[in-house]
Amino acid sequence: MRVRIRYTKSGKVKFISHRDLARVFERAIHRAEIPVVYSQGFTPRPRLQFGLALANGYESDAEYLDIEIDDERLSAGGSDMAAYAVGLPGLLAPHLPTGVVVTAATELEQGTPSLQDAVTSCGWDFDFADTDAEMLAAEASRLLAESELFVELERKGKQVREDLRPLLRELTVERRPSGALLRAELGTKPRSVRPAELLAAMRLDERPRRVLRTHQWITADSGRREPIELDPLSPHALERAS
């Protein structure tokens, strides 16, 4: 059985690397005595599949992890599979650091694509303390009006130029009492646009005081959806919408 969990990463824990966070979850799964499937070989590791990596210093309301559960061990313990999946947030909560909160879990159907393959875009919030909202909106409009948006990047030790414009899905600006909020949707196919690349393309004197990943989107024939939709009445969903 594969179970997908959704979790947050906020506060001081934002400085934990993606690799270190994987170790945090491995320890939490072990301490919670979750019957996870292990890899073969001399150094068995729990079979975990993370979604798109989150860079150090960024926070998120929408991180995902797929866990492969050992069906035989679970059945031997008398647990119902679907109920066990839904109860994973409560099992993991006591063993995770402050700022990492599992907000939902669900059993996956056979053949569900991996997060790396399925996610087509991400939503981001950039919180600016002193930037004028009108100036930020004008800069966002400038980028959206461009037919090409080339940036200089380093790939395997070489400088390359890439056009970000096809992956820039949406840019909107909201005025805040203390600054402005830039909201963006950035594509992930054929590669992910990093928030730092978007900021490098904008003519801004100030860096955002906070960068938050708000969504990871999967595009399907019926539209787009998140890997796990939060209950709109849940505390986490209400907090995200506020």
Protein backbone atom coordinates (compact mmCIF):
# COMPACT_ATOMS: atom_id res chain seq x y z
CA MET A 1 0.00 0.00 0.00
CA ARG A 2 1.24 3.45 -0.89
CA VAL A 3 0.17 6.34 1.30
CA ARG A 4 0.62 10.00 0.38
CA ILE A 5 0.97 12.54 3.16
CA ARG A 6 0.78 16.31 3.00
CA TYR A 7 2.82 18.37 5.43
CA THR A 8 3.98 21.90 6.21
CA LYS A 9 7.50 23.22 6.70
CA SER A 10 7.64 26.56 8.49
CA GLY A 11 9.61 28.56 11.02
CA LYS A 12 13.21 27.70 11.92
CA VAL A 13 12.91 24.27 10.32
CA LYS A 14 12.96 26.02 6.92
CA PHE A 15 16.75 25.96 7.19
CA ILE A 16 16.84 22.13 7.26
CA SER A 17 18.00 20.78 3.90
CA HIS A 18 15.89 18.42 1.79
CA ARG A 19 18.26 15.55 2.61
CA ASP A 20 18.17 16.24 6.34
CA LEU A 21 14.38 16.44 6.25
CA ALA A 22 14.32 12.98 4.67
CA ARG A 23 16.29 11.69 7.66
CA VAL A 24 13.85 13.42 10.01
CA PHE A 25 10.96 11.51 8.42
CA GLU A 26 12.88 8.23 8.46
CA ARG A 27 13.43 8.59 12.22
CA ALA A 28 9.82 9.65 12.81
CA ILE A 29 8.50 6.63 10.87
CA HIS A 30 10.78 4.32 12.86
CA ARG A 31 9.77 5.79 16.22
CA ALA A 32 6.07 5.70 15.30
CA GLU A 33 6.51 1.98 14.45
CA ILE A 34 4.92 2.42 11.03
CA PRO A 35 5.29 -0.86 9.07
CA VAL A 36 7.10 0.68 6.12
CA VAL A 37 8.65 -1.39 3.32
CA TYR A 38 12.46 -1.34 3.27
CA SER A 39 14.82 -1.51 0.30
CA GLN A 40 17.07 -4.51 -0.27
CA GLY A 41 20.87 -4.61 0.06
CA PHE A 42 23.48 -4.01 2.74
CA THR A 43 21.94 -0.74 3.98
CA PRO A 44 18.14 -1.09 3.84
CA ARG A 45 16.26 2.23 3.83
CA PRO A 46 12.54 2.89 4.14
CA ARG A 47 10.88 3.32 0.76
CA LEU A 48 9.93 6.98 0.72
CA GLN A 49 9.31 9.16 -2.34
CA PHE A 50 9.42 12.91 -1.79
CA GLY A 51 7.90 15.51 -4.06
CA LEU A 52 9.75 18.46 -5.55
CA ALA A 53 12.61 19.59 -3.34
CA LEU A 54 12.18 22.83 -1.39
CA ALA A 55 15.25 25.08 -1.25
CA ASN A 56 16.72 26.08 2.10
CA GLY A 57 15.17 29.19 3.59
CA TYR A 58 11.77 28.70 1.97
CA GLU A 59 8.60 27.67 3.80
CA SER A 60 5.68 25.62 2.54
CA ASP A 61 2.06 24.78 3.24
CA ALA A 62 2.03 22.03 0.61
CA GLU A 63 4.83 19.46 0.79
CA TYR A 64 4.23 15.81 -0.05
CA LEU A 65 5.71 12.41 0.68
CA ASP A 66 4.72 8.93 -0.50
CA ILE A 67 5.29 6.06 1.95
CA GLU A 68 5.15 2.39 0.97
CA ILE A 69 3.46 0.39 3.74
CA ASP A 70 4.00 -3.36 4.22
CA ASP A 71 0.48 -4.78 3.69
CA GLU A 72 1.26 -8.12 5.34
CA ARG A 73 2.63 -6.56 8.54
CA LEU A 74 -0.29 -4.16 8.64
CA SER A 75 -2.87 -6.92 8.20
CA ALA A 76 -1.14 -9.07 10.80
CA GLY A 77 -1.64 -6.26 13.28
CA GLY A 78 -5.37 -6.19 12.56
CA SER A 79 -5.41 -2.70 11.07
CA ASP A 80 -7.76 -1.57 8.32
CA MET A 81 -5.65 -0.16 5.49
CA ALA A 82 -7.78 2.87 4.61
CA ALA A 83 -8.29 3.82 8.26
CA TYR A 84 -4.60 3.37 8.98
CA ALA A 85 -3.67 5.75 6.14
CA VAL A 86 -6.01 8.46 7.42
CA GLY A 87 -4.58 8.07 10.93
CA LEU A 88 -0.94 8.56 9.93
CA PRO A 89 -0.84 12.29 10.82
CA GLY A 90 -1.62 11.45 14.45
CA LEU A 91 1.02 8.69 14.53
CA LEU A 92 3.77 10.91 13.13
CA ALA A 93 2.96 14.15 15.00
CA PRO A 94 4.78 13.35 18.30
CA HIS A 95 8.00 12.49 16.44
CA LEU A 96 8.34 15.50 14.11
CA PRO A 97 10.09 18.80 14.91
CA THR A 98 8.24 22.06 15.44
CA GLY A 99 7.25 23.48 12.06
CA VAL A 100 6.76 20.13 10.32
CA VAL A 101 3.08 19.26 10.58
CA VAL A 102 1.36 16.44 8.68
CA THR A 103 -1.98 17.92 7.65
CA ALA A 104 -3.51 15.04 5.65
CA ALA A 105 -2.90 11.49 4.42
CA THR A 106 -4.60 9.21 1.93
CA GLU A 107 -4.15 5.77 0.40
CA LEU A 108 -3.09 5.86 -3.26
CA GLU A 109 -4.62 3.78 -6.00
CA GLN A 110 -2.46 1.32 -7.91
CA GLY A 111 -0.59 3.00 -10.74
CA THR A 112 -0.75 6.53 -9.31
CA PRO A 113 2.14 8.49 -10.88
CA SER A 114 4.95 9.69 -8.64
CA LEU A 115 4.91 13.26 -7.40
CA GLN A 116 7.97 14.08 -9.49
CA ASP A 117 6.12 13.01 -12.65
CA ALA A 118 2.66 14.33 -11.79
CA VAL A 119 3.19 17.87 -10.50
CA THR A 120 3.09 20.41 -13.34
CA SER A 121 3.27 23.73 -11.48
CA CYS A 122 3.69 25.27 -8.03
CA GLY A 123 2.08 28.25 -6.34
CA TRP A 124 4.30 30.70 -4.45
CA ASP A 125 3.80 33.71 -2.16
CA PHE A 126 6.54 36.35 -1.92
CA ASP A 127 6.02 38.67 1.04
CA PHE A 128 7.72 42.07 0.66
CA ALA A 129 8.00 44.38 3.66
CA ASP A 130 8.68 47.78 2.09
CA THR A 131 8.09 47.36 -1.64
CA ASP A 132 5.31 49.53 -3.07
CA ALA A 133 2.44 47.39 -4.35
CA GLU A 134 1.91 49.51 -7.47
CA MET A 135 5.57 49.26 -8.44
CA LEU A 136 5.54 45.51 -7.85
CA ALA A 137 2.35 45.14 -9.94
CA ALA A 138 3.93 47.14 -12.77
CA GLU A 139 6.98 44.88 -12.72
CA ALA A 140 4.76 41.78 -12.73
CA SER A 141 2.84 43.17 -15.73
CA ARG A 142 6.12 43.84 -17.52
CA LEU A 143 7.21 40.23 -17.17
CA LEU A 144 3.83 38.88 -18.33
CA ALA A 145 3.95 41.14 -21.38
CA GLU A 146 7.33 39.76 -22.47
CA SER A 147 7.36 37.10 -25.18
CA GLU A 148 10.73 35.83 -23.92
CA LEU A 149 12.38 35.97 -20.52
CA PHE A 150 15.96 34.77 -20.68
CA VAL A 151 18.05 34.33 -17.55
CA GLU A 152 21.67 33.25 -17.08
CA LEU A 153 21.98 29.96 -15.18
CA GLU A 154 24.79 27.62 -14.27
CA ARG A 155 24.29 24.00 -15.29
CA LYS A 156 27.02 21.45 -14.50
CA GLY A 157 29.65 24.15 -14.28
CA LYS A 158 28.60 25.88 -17.51
CA GLN A 159 26.72 29.12 -18.05
CA VAL A 160 23.52 28.68 -20.05
CA ARG A 161 20.64 30.94 -21.10
CA GLU A 162 17.10 29.68 -20.61
CA ASP A 163 13.73 31.21 -21.43
CA LEU A 164 11.51 31.25 -18.33
CA ARG A 165 8.51 32.89 -19.98
CA PRO A 166 6.69 29.65 -21.04
CA LEU A 167 6.81 28.49 -17.41
CA LEU A 168 5.53 31.74 -15.92
CA ARG A 169 1.85 30.87 -15.52
CA GLU A 170 0.53 33.67 -13.31
CA LEU A 171 1.68 36.77 -11.40
CA THR A 172 -0.62 38.85 -9.20
CA VAL A 173 0.02 41.44 -6.50
CA GLU A 174 -1.93 42.21 -3.33
CA ARG A 175 -1.48 45.32 -1.20
CA ARG A 176 -0.73 44.57 2.45
CA PRO A 177 -0.71 46.89 5.50
CA SER A 178 3.05 46.50 5.67
CA GLY A 179 4.18 46.02 2.09
CA ALA A 180 2.93 43.83 -0.73
CA LEU A 181 2.37 40.17 -1.59
CA LEU A 182 3.42 38.77 -4.95
CA ARG A 183 1.64 35.54 -5.89
CA ALA A 184 3.06 33.40 -8.66
CA GLU A 185 2.37 30.10 -10.38
CA LEU A 186 5.55 28.65 -11.84
CA GLY A 187 5.71 25.64 -14.13
CA THR A 188 7.73 22.51 -13.39
CA LYS A 189 7.86 20.90 -16.85
CA PRO A 190 10.25 20.35 -18.55
CA ARG A 191 12.00 21.72 -15.46
CA SER A 192 11.03 23.65 -12.35
CA VAL A 193 11.40 27.41 -12.23
CA ARG A 194 13.10 28.33 -8.96
CA PRO A 195 11.72 31.30 -7.02
CA ALA A 196 15.22 32.80 -7.04
CA GLU A 197 15.16 32.76 -10.85
CA LEU A 198 11.91 34.68 -10.94
CA LEU A 199 13.27 37.26 -8.49
CA ALA A 200 16.45 37.60 -10.56
CA ALA A 201 14.32 38.47 -13.60
CA MET A 202 12.47 41.23 -11.73
CA ARG A 203 13.88 44.76 -11.29
CA LEU A 204 13.55 44.94 -7.53
CA ASP A 205 15.69 46.65 -4.91
CA GLU A 206 14.28 44.57 -2.06
CA ARG A 207 14.28 40.85 -1.41
CA PRO A 208 11.13 39.24 0.05
CA ARG A 209 11.13 38.69 3.79
CA ARG A 210 9.33 35.39 3.31
CA VAL A 211 8.90 32.92 0.45
CA LEU A 212 6.13 30.34 0.86
CA ARG A 213 5.14 27.46 -1.41
CA THR A 214 1.34 27.42 -1.24
CA HIS A 215 0.36 24.72 -3.75
CA GLN A 216 1.64 21.94 -5.94
CA TRP A 217 -0.67 21.42 -8.91
CA ILE A 218 -1.41 18.37 -11.05
CA THR A 219 -2.95 19.06 -14.45
CA ALA A 220 -5.57 16.57 -15.65
CA ASP A 221 -8.32 16.46 -18.30
CA SER A 222 -10.82 17.75 -15.77
CA GLY A 223 -8.64 20.72 -14.80
CA ARG A 224 -6.04 20.97 -12.08
CA ARG A 225 -5.94 19.62 -8.57
CA GLU A 226 -3.56 19.21 -5.66
CA PRO A 227 -1.99 15.83 -4.81
CA ILE A 228 -4.12 15.92 -1.64
CA GLU A 229 -6.94 18.42 -1.33
CA LEU A 230 -7.41 19.84 2.17
CA ASP A 231 -10.88 19.93 3.67
CA PRO A 232 -11.94 23.58 3.18
CA LEU A 233 -13.20 23.65 6.78
CA SER A 234 -10.02 22.25 8.31
CA PRO A 235 -7.87 24.59 10.44
CA HIS A 236 -4.96 24.25 8.00
CA ALA A 237 -7.08 25.14 4.99
CA LEU A 238 -8.59 28.14 6.75
CA GLU A 239 -5.14 29.30 7.84
CA ARG A 240 -3.83 29.01 4.28
CA ALA A 241 -6.76 30.96 2.85
CA SER A 242 -6.49 33.82 5.36
